[in-house]
PDB file of N, CA and C in Angstrom:
ATOM      1  N   MET A   1     -20.941  10.580  -5.320  1.00  0.00           N
ATOM      2  CA  MET A   1     -19.822  11.469  -5.294  1.00  0.00           C
ATOM      3  C   MET A   1     -19.325  12.087  -3.838  1.00  0.00           C
ATOM      4  N   ILE A   2     -17.976  12.014  -3.512  1.00  0.00           N
ATOM      5  CA  ILE A   2     -17.485  12.386  -2.443  1.00  0.00           C
ATOM      6  C   ILE A   2     -16.834  13.613  -2.633  1.00  0.00           C
ATOM      7  N   GLU A   3     -16.695  14.158  -1.496  1.00  0.00           N
ATOM      8  CA  GLU A   3     -15.897  15.663  -1.483  1.00  0.00           C
ATOM      9  C   GLU A   3     -14.108  15.681  -1.519  1.00  0.00           C
ATOM     10  N   PHE A   4     -13.480  15.887  -2.154  1.00  0.00           N
ATOM     11  CA  PHE A   4     -12.355  15.591  -2.101  1.00  0.00           C
ATOM     12  C   PHE A   4     -11.508  16.219  -1.363  1.00  0.00           C
ATOM     13  N   GLU A   5     -10.707  16.237  -0.787  1.00  0.00           N
ATOM     14  CA  GLU A   5      -9.777  16.856   0.071  1.00  0.00           C
ATOM     15  C   GLU A   5      -8.314  17.327  -1.011  1.00  0.00           C
ATOM     16  N   ALA A   6      -8.033  18.476  -1.046  1.00  0.00           N
ATOM     17  CA  ALA A   6      -6.998  18.820  -1.902  1.00  0.00           C
ATOM     18  C   ALA A   6      -5.678  18.696  -1.957  1.00  0.00           C
ATOM     19  N   ASP A   7      -5.320  18.137  -0.298  1.00  0.00           N
ATOM     20  CA  ASP A   7      -3.747  17.453  -0.226  1.00  0.00           C
ATOM     21  C   ASP A   7      -3.491  16.136  -0.451  1.00  0.00           C
ATOM     22  N   VAL A   8      -4.755  15.226  -1.029  1.00  0.00           N
ATOM     23  CA  VAL A   8      -4.575  14.018  -1.096  1.00  0.00           C
ATOM     24  C   VAL A   8      -4.935  13.571  -2.577  1.00  0.00           C
ATOM     25  N   PRO A   9      -4.011  13.398  -2.955  1.00  0.00           N
ATOM     26  CA  PRO A   9      -4.759  12.606  -4.693  1.00  0.00           C
ATOM     27  C   PRO A   9      -6.195  11.517  -4.503  1.00  0.00           C
ATOM     28  N   ARG A  10      -6.603  12.737  -5.406  1.00  0.00           N
ATOM     29  CA  ARG A  10      -8.203  11.438  -5.322  1.00  0.00           C
ATOM     30  C   ARG A  10      -8.236  10.230  -5.985  1.00  0.00           C
ATOM     31  N   TRP A  11      -7.200   9.486  -6.750  1.00  0.00           N
ATOM     32  CA  TRP A  11      -7.566   7.903  -6.996  1.00  0.00           C
ATOM     33  C   TRP A  11      -7.084   7.357  -5.277  1.00  0.00           C
ATOM     34  N   LYS A  12      -6.270   8.063  -4.364  1.00  0.00           N
ATOM     35  CA  LYS A  12      -5.909   7.411  -3.138  1.00  0.00           C
ATOM     36  C   LYS A  12      -7.456   7.712  -2.330  1.00  0.00           C
ATOM     37  N   GLN A  13      -7.964   8.463  -2.488  1.00  0.00           N
ATOM     38  CA  GLN A  13      -9.109   8.986  -1.643  1.00  0.00           C
ATOM     39  C   GLN A  13     -10.436   7.921  -2.102  1.00  0.00           C
ATOM     40  N   VAL A  14     -10.466   7.883  -3.212  1.00  0.00           N
ATOM     41  CA  VAL A  14     -11.761   6.775  -4.353  1.00  0.00           C
ATOM     42  C   VAL A  14     -10.768   5.104  -3.268  1.00  0.00           C
ATOM     43  N   ALA A  15      -9.288   4.815  -3.480  1.00  0.00           N
ATOM     44  CA  ALA A  15      -8.953   3.634  -2.821  1.00  0.00           C
ATOM     45  C   ALA A  15      -9.610   3.601  -1.783  1.00  0.00           C
ATOM     46  N   GLU A  16      -9.521   4.376  -1.322  1.00  0.00           N
ATOM     47  CA  GLU A  16      -9.819   4.546   0.593  1.00  0.00           C
ATOM     48  C   GLU A  16     -11.533   3.905   0.697  1.00  0.00           C
ATOM     49  N   VAL A  17     -12.358   4.461  -0.025  1.00  0.00           N
ATOM     50  CA  VAL A  17     -13.441   4.201   0.044  1.00  0.00           C
ATOM     51  C   VAL A  17     -14.106   2.711  -0.476  1.00  0.00           C
ATOM     52  N   ILE A  18     -13.107   2.393  -1.376  1.00  0.00           N
ATOM     53  CA  ILE A  18     -13.579   0.959  -1.758  1.00  0.00           C
ATOM     54  C   ILE A  18     -12.779  -0.105  -0.983  1.00  0.00           C
ATOM     55  N   ARG A  19     -11.264   0.347  -0.099  1.00  0.00           N
ATOM     56  CA  ARG A  19     -11.123  -0.538   0.782  1.00  0.00           C
ATOM     57  C   ARG A  19     -12.076  -0.613   2.040  1.00  0.00           C
ATOM     58  N   GLY A  20     -12.673   0.376   2.569  1.00  0.00           N
ATOM     59  CA  GLY A  20     -13.633   0.429   3.622  1.00  0.00           C
ATOM     60  C   GLY A  20     -15.090  -0.434   2.717  1.00  0.00           C
ATOM     61  N   ARG A  21     -15.498  -0.409   1.340  1.00  0.00           N
ATOM     62  CA  ARG A  21     -15.927  -1.457   1.368  1.00  0.00           C
ATOM     63  C   ARG A  21     -15.918  -2.482   1.164  1.00  0.00           C
ATOM     64  N   ILE A  22     -14.666  -2.788   0.938  1.00  0.00           N
ATOM     65  CA  ILE A  22     -14.304  -4.192   0.922  1.00  0.00           C
ATOM     66  C   ILE A  22     -13.830  -5.133   2.516  1.00  0.00           C
ATOM     67  N   ALA A  23     -13.584  -4.020   3.249  1.00  0.00           N
ATOM     68  CA  ALA A  23     -13.476  -4.300   4.468  1.00  0.00           C
ATOM     69  C   ALA A  23     -14.722  -4.661   5.752  1.00  0.00           C
ATOM     70  N   ASP A  24     -16.023  -3.862   5.145  1.00  0.00           N
ATOM     71  CA  ASP A  24     -17.210  -3.765   5.508  1.00  0.00           C
ATOM     72  C   ASP A  24     -18.382  -4.671   5.060  1.00  0.00           C
ATOM     73  N   GLY A  25     -17.783  -5.282   4.169  1.00  0.00           N
ATOM     74  CA  GLY A  25     -18.124  -6.682   3.294  1.00  0.00           C
ATOM     75  C   GLY A  25     -19.552  -6.060   2.192  1.00  0.00           C
ATOM     76  N   THR A  26     -19.124  -4.915   1.970  1.00  0.00           N
ATOM     77  CA  THR A  26     -20.221  -4.555   0.787  1.00  0.00           C
ATOM     78  C   THR A  26     -20.072  -5.380  -0.629  1.00  0.00           C
ATOM     79  N   TYR A  27     -18.383  -5.130  -0.889  1.00  0.00           N
ATOM     80  CA  TYR A  27     -17.804  -6.348  -1.660  1.00  0.00           C
ATOM     81  C   TYR A  27     -17.161  -7.510  -0.686  1.00  0.00           C
ATOM     82  N   ALA A  28     -17.868  -8.340  -1.466  1.00  0.00           N
ATOM     83  CA  ALA A  28     -17.605  -9.699  -0.605  1.00  0.00           C
ATOM     84  C   ALA A  28     -16.540 -10.336  -0.994  1.00  0.00           C
ATOM     85  N   PRO A  29     -15.981 -11.318  -0.868  1.00  0.00           N
ATOM     86  CA  PRO A  29     -14.315 -12.075  -1.705  1.00  0.00           C
ATOM     87  C   PRO A  29     -15.125 -12.795  -2.690  1.00  0.00           C
ATOM     88  N   ARG A  30     -14.638 -12.782  -3.844  1.00  0.00           N
ATOM     89  CA  ARG A  30     -14.977 -13.198  -5.194  1.00  0.00           C
ATOM     90  C   ARG A  30     -15.881 -12.644  -5.863  1.00  0.00           C
ATOM     91  N   THR A  31     -16.256 -11.374  -5.152  1.00  0.00           N
ATOM     92  CA  THR A  31     -17.708 -10.465  -5.955  1.00  0.00           C
ATOM     93  C   THR A  31     -16.468  -9.465  -7.016  1.00  0.00           C
ATOM     94  N   ARG A  32     -16.986  -9.082  -7.692  1.00  0.00           N
ATOM     95  CA  ARG A  32     -17.152  -8.160  -8.831  1.00  0.00           C
ATOM     96  C   ARG A  32     -17.030  -7.029  -8.129  1.00  0.00           C
ATOM     97  N   VAL A  33     -15.883  -5.766  -8.404  1.00  0.00           N
ATOM     98  CA  VAL A  33     -15.773  -4.469  -7.964  1.00  0.00           C
ATOM     99  C   VAL A  33     -16.290  -3.465  -8.998  1.00  0.00           C
ATOM    100  N   PRO A  34     -16.587  -1.976  -9.018  1.00  0.00           N
ATOM    101  CA  PRO A  34     -16.758  -1.432  -9.745  1.00  0.00           C
ATOM    102  C   PRO A  34     -15.989  -1.453 -10.725  1.00  0.00           C
ATOM    103  N   SER A  35     -16.836  -1.278 -11.899  1.00  0.00           N
ATOM    104  CA  SER A  35     -15.491  -0.948 -13.041  1.00  0.00           C
ATOM    105  C   SER A  35     -14.632   0.150 -13.093  1.00  0.00           C
ATOM    106  N   VAL A  36     -13.480   0.553 -13.970  1.00  0.00           N
ATOM    107  CA  VAL A  36     -13.211   1.597 -14.139  1.00  0.00           C
ATOM    108  C   VAL A  36     -14.330   2.705 -14.633  1.00  0.00           C
ATOM    109  N   VAL A  37     -15.038   2.413 -15.848  1.00  0.00           N
ATOM    110  CA  VAL A  37     -16.342   3.251 -16.032  1.00  0.00           C
ATOM    111  C   VAL A  37     -17.133   3.551 -14.846  1.00  0.00           C
ATOM    112  N   GLN A  38     -17.461   2.490 -13.994  1.00  0.00           N
ATOM    113  CA  GLN A  38     -18.585   2.745 -13.372  1.00  0.00           C
ATOM    114  C   GLN A  38     -18.146   3.656 -11.906  1.00  0.00           C
ATOM    115  N   LEU A  39     -16.384   3.516 -11.502  1.00  0.00           N
ATOM    116  CA  LEU A  39     -16.328   4.190 -10.420  1.00  0.00           C
ATOM    117  C   LEU A  39     -15.719   6.130 -11.011  1.00  0.00           C
ATOM    118  N   ALA A  40     -15.315   6.185 -12.315  1.00  0.00           N
ATOM    119  CA  ALA A  40     -15.588   7.699 -12.876  1.00  0.00           C
ATOM    120  C   ALA A  40     -16.527   7.952 -12.845  1.00  0.00           C
ATOM    121  N   THR A  41     -17.816   7.517 -13.176  1.00  0.00           N
ATOM    122  CA  THR A  41     -19.666   7.652 -13.009  1.00  0.00           C
ATOM    123  C   THR A  41     -19.669   8.149 -11.768  1.00  0.00           C
ATOM    124  N   GLU A  42     -19.322   7.300 -10.921  1.00  0.00           N
ATOM    125  CA  GLU A  42     -19.790   7.289  -9.601  1.00  0.00           C
ATOM    126  C   GLU A  42     -18.892   8.672  -8.590  1.00  0.00           C
ATOM    127  N   PHE A  43     -17.744   9.052  -8.966  1.00  0.00           N
ATOM    128  CA  PHE A  43     -16.882   9.791  -8.182  1.00  0.00           C
ATOM    129  C   PHE A  43     -16.872  10.829  -8.612  1.00  0.00           C
ATOM    130  N   GLY A  44     -17.392  10.984 -10.378  1.00  0.00           N
ATOM    131  CA  GLY A  44     -16.747  12.278 -10.837  1.00  0.00           C
ATOM    132  C   GLY A  44     -15.238  12.179 -10.927  1.00  0.00           C
ATOM    133  N   ILE A  45     -14.621  10.934 -11.489  1.00  0.00           N
ATOM    134  CA  ILE A  45     -13.135  11.037 -11.687  1.00  0.00           C
ATOM    135  C   ILE A  45     -12.799  10.986 -13.051  1.00  0.00           C
ATOM    136  N   ALA A  46     -11.975  11.247 -13.862  1.00  0.00           N
ATOM    137  CA  ALA A  46     -11.035  10.892 -14.933  1.00  0.00           C
ATOM    138  C   ALA A  46     -11.496   9.210 -14.799  1.00  0.00           C
ATOM    139  N   GLN A  47     -11.331   8.497 -15.880  1.00  0.00           N
ATOM    140  CA  GLN A  47     -11.225   6.817 -16.145  1.00  0.00           C
ATOM    141  C   GLN A  47      -9.928   6.399 -15.974  1.00  0.00           C
ATOM    142  N   ALA A  48      -8.700   7.419 -16.118  1.00  0.00           N
ATOM    143  CA  ALA A  48      -7.626   7.568 -16.133  1.00  0.00           C
ATOM    144  C   ALA A  48      -7.132   7.479 -14.444  1.00  0.00           C
ATOM    145  N   THR A  49      -7.839   8.424 -13.512  1.00  0.00           N
ATOM    146  CA  THR A  49      -7.614   8.492 -12.576  1.00  0.00           C
ATOM    147  C   THR A  49      -8.183   6.937 -11.729  1.00  0.00           C
ATOM    148  N   ALA A  50      -9.885   6.290 -12.279  1.00  0.00           N
ATOM    149  CA  ALA A  50     -10.043   5.444 -11.860  1.00  0.00           C
ATOM    150  C   ALA A  50      -9.121   4.097 -12.138  1.00  0.00           C
ATOM    151  N   GLN A  51      -8.559   4.018 -13.072  1.00  0.00           N
ATOM    152  CA  GLN A  51      -7.201   2.973 -13.456  1.00  0.00           C
ATOM    153  C   GLN A  51      -6.433   3.156 -11.934  1.00  0.00           C
ATOM    154  N   LYS A  52      -6.051   4.230 -11.931  1.00  0.00           N
ATOM    155  CA  LYS A  52      -5.198   4.153 -10.959  1.00  0.00           C
ATOM    156  C   LYS A  52      -5.552   3.323  -9.281  1.00  0.00           C
ATOM    157  N   VAL A  53      -7.000   3.986  -9.317  1.00  0.00           N
ATOM    158  CA  VAL A  53      -7.586   2.862  -8.629  1.00  0.00           C
ATOM    159  C   VAL A  53      -7.300   1.475  -8.278  1.00  0.00           C
ATOM    160  N   HIS A  54      -7.520   0.764  -9.630  1.00  0.00           N
ATOM    161  CA  HIS A  54      -7.778  -0.242  -9.526  1.00  0.00           C
ATOM    162  C   HIS A  54      -6.029  -0.542  -9.694  1.00  0.00           C
ATOM    163  N   ARG A  55      -5.638  -0.354 -10.281  1.00  0.00           N
ATOM    164  CA  ARG A  55      -3.867  -0.336 -10.181  1.00  0.00           C
ATOM    165  C   ARG A  55      -3.457  -0.294  -8.887  1.00  0.00           C
ATOM    166  N   GLY A  56      -3.558   0.314  -7.818  1.00  0.00           N
ATOM    167  CA  GLY A  56      -3.160   0.965  -6.570  1.00  0.00           C
ATOM    168  C   GLY A  56      -3.773  -0.749  -5.811  1.00  0.00           C
ATOM    169  N   LEU A  57      -5.336  -0.863  -5.700  1.00  0.00           N
ATOM    170  CA  LEU A  57      -6.054  -1.814  -5.095  1.00  0.00           C
ATOM    171  C   LEU A  57      -5.374  -3.735  -5.390  1.00  0.00           C
ATOM    172  N   ARG A  58      -5.086  -3.804  -7.140  1.00  0.00           N
ATOM    173  CA  ARG A  58      -4.612  -4.829  -7.275  1.00  0.00           C
ATOM    174  C   ARG A  58      -3.053  -5.230  -6.880  1.00  0.00           C
ATOM    175  N   ASP A  59      -1.772  -3.980  -6.778  1.00  0.00           N
ATOM    176  CA  ASP A  59      -0.552  -3.883  -5.555  1.00  0.00           C
ATOM    177  C   ASP A  59      -1.070  -4.267  -4.573  1.00  0.00           C
ATOM    178  N   GLU A  60      -2.084  -3.646  -3.931  1.00  0.00           N
ATOM    179  CA  GLU A  60      -2.198  -4.205  -2.503  1.00  0.00           C
ATOM    180  C   GLU A  60      -2.700  -5.458  -2.401  1.00  0.00           C
ATOM    181  N   GLY A  61      -2.882  -5.980  -3.539  1.00  0.00           N
ATOM    182  CA  GLY A  61      -3.850  -7.361  -3.790  1.00  0.00           C
ATOM    183  C   GLY A  61      -4.987  -7.781  -2.801  1.00  0.00           C
ATOM    184  N   LEU A  62      -5.671  -6.577  -2.682  1.00  0.00           N
ATOM    185  CA  LEU A  62      -6.980  -6.254  -2.621  1.00  0.00           C
ATOM    186  C   LEU A  62      -8.186  -6.701  -3.724  1.00  0.00           C
ATOM    187  N   ILE A  63      -8.064  -6.884  -4.750  1.00  0.00           N
ATOM    188  CA  ILE A  63      -8.503  -7.161  -5.783  1.00  0.00           C
ATOM    189  C   ILE A  63      -7.827  -7.859  -7.123  1.00  0.00           C
ATOM    190  N   TYR A  64      -8.230  -8.398  -7.904  1.00  0.00           N
ATOM    191  CA  TYR A  64      -7.412  -9.390  -9.260  1.00  0.00           C
ATOM    192  C   TYR A  64      -8.167  -8.855 -10.353  1.00  0.00           C
ATOM    193  N   THR A  65      -7.729  -9.180 -11.489  1.00  0.00           N
ATOM    194  CA  THR A  65      -8.710  -8.562 -12.563  1.00  0.00           C
ATOM    195  C   THR A  65      -8.399 -10.480 -13.967  1.00  0.00           C
ATOM    196  N   GLU A  66      -9.617 -10.201 -13.775  1.00  0.00           N
ATOM    197  CA  GLU A  66      -9.830 -11.526 -14.873  1.00  0.00           C
ATOM    198  C   GLU A  66      -9.956 -10.699 -16.304  1.00  0.00           C
ATOM    199  N   PRO A  67      -9.090 -10.890 -17.223  1.00  0.00           N
ATOM    200  CA  PRO A  67      -9.359 -10.333 -18.785  1.00  0.00           C
ATOM    201  C   PRO A  67     -10.810 -10.820 -19.467  1.00  0.00           C
ATOM    202  N   GLY A  68     -11.225  -9.978 -19.770  1.00  0.00           N
ATOM    203  CA  GLY A  68     -12.900  -9.718 -20.285  1.00  0.00           C
ATOM    204  C   GLY A  68     -14.218 -10.321 -19.395  1.00  0.00           C
ATOM    205  N   LEU A  69     -13.166 -10.199 -17.696  1.00  0.00           N
ATOM    206  CA  LEU A  69     -14.745 -10.207 -16.905  1.00  0.00           C
ATOM    207  C   LEU A  69     -14.891  -9.368 -15.985  1.00  0.00           C
ATOM    208  N   GLY A  70     -13.652  -8.846 -15.423  1.00  0.00           N
ATOM    209  CA  GLY A  70     -13.753  -7.738 -14.637  1.00  0.00           C
ATOM    210  C   GLY A  70     -12.609  -8.063 -13.602  1.00  0.00           C
ATOM    211  N   SER A  71     -12.907  -6.923 -12.204  1.00  0.00           N
ATOM    212  CA  SER A  71     -11.786  -7.045 -11.281  1.00  0.00           C
ATOM    213  C   SER A  71     -12.998  -7.456 -10.363  1.00  0.00           C
ATOM    214  N   PHE A  72     -12.495  -8.568  -9.386  1.00  0.00           N
ATOM    215  CA  PHE A  72     -12.817  -9.112  -7.973  1.00  0.00           C
ATOM    216  C   PHE A  72     -12.188  -9.092  -6.642  1.00  0.00           C
ATOM    217  N   VAL A  73     -12.695  -9.153  -5.718  1.00  0.00           N
ATOM    218  CA  VAL A  73     -12.169  -9.003  -4.066  1.00  0.00           C
ATOM    219  C   VAL A  73     -11.552 -10.369  -4.014  1.00  0.00           C
ATOM    220  N   SER A  74     -10.232 -10.225  -3.384  1.00  0.00           N
ATOM    221  CA  SER A  74      -9.534 -10.778  -3.489  1.00  0.00           C
ATOM    222  C   SER A  74      -9.940 -12.633  -2.392  1.00  0.00           C
ATOM    223  N   SER A  75      -9.611 -13.454  -2.490  1.00  0.00           N
ATOM    224  CA  SER A  75     -10.263 -14.400  -1.619  1.00  0.00           C
ATOM    225  C   SER A  75     -10.091 -14.279  -0.145  1.00  0.00           C
ATOM    226  N   ARG A  76      -8.904 -13.486   0.109  1.00  0.00           N
ATOM    227  CA  ARG A  76      -8.465 -13.104   1.457  1.00  0.00           C
ATOM    228  C   ARG A  76      -7.558 -12.108   1.453  1.00  0.00           C
ATOM    229  N   PRO A  77      -7.621 -11.363   2.316  1.00  0.00           N
ATOM    230  CA  PRO A  77      -7.298  -9.942   2.427  1.00  0.00           C
ATOM    231  C   PRO A  77      -5.884 -10.293   2.553  1.00  0.00           C
ATOM    232  N   PRO A  78      -4.629  -9.499   2.075  1.00  0.00           N
ATOM    233  CA  PRO A  78      -3.172  -9.807   2.224  1.00  0.00           C
ATOM    234  C   PRO A  78      -2.713  -9.365   3.787  1.00  0.00           C
ATOM    235  N   ALA A  79      -1.748  -9.807   3.698  1.00  0.00           N
ATOM    236  CA  ALA A  79      -1.274 -10.321   5.162  1.00  0.00           C
ATOM    237  C   ALA A  79      -0.470  -9.164   5.540  1.00  0.00           C
ATOM    238  N   GLU A  80      -1.093  -8.354   7.049  1.00  0.00           N
ATOM    239  CA  GLU A  80      -0.456  -7.120   7.158  1.00  0.00           C
ATOM    240  C   GLU A  80       0.948  -7.366   7.883  1.00  0.00           C
ATOM    241  N   GLY A  81       1.679  -6.491   7.835  1.00  0.00           N
ATOM    242  CA  GLY A  81       3.217  -6.570   8.357  1.00  0.00           C
ATOM    243  C   GLY A  81       4.002  -5.827   8.145  1.00  0.00           C
TER     244      GLY A  81
END
């Protein structure tokens, strides 16, 4: 569990942790990232908040979801610009 800052939404703080894990190779390309339930448990957040984490990371192109299989790190990071 992390200590949350009051002025930053929790989902953004958790997404930043997951981004860091992707960047440092903890979650390698095409490997599964924690599920919504796993994120909720690990960080002590609601499942709805964990869903926002997944949605945000998908919108950034960092992860993709395969129905029935889970969410995975994208093969290559999105282009910065």
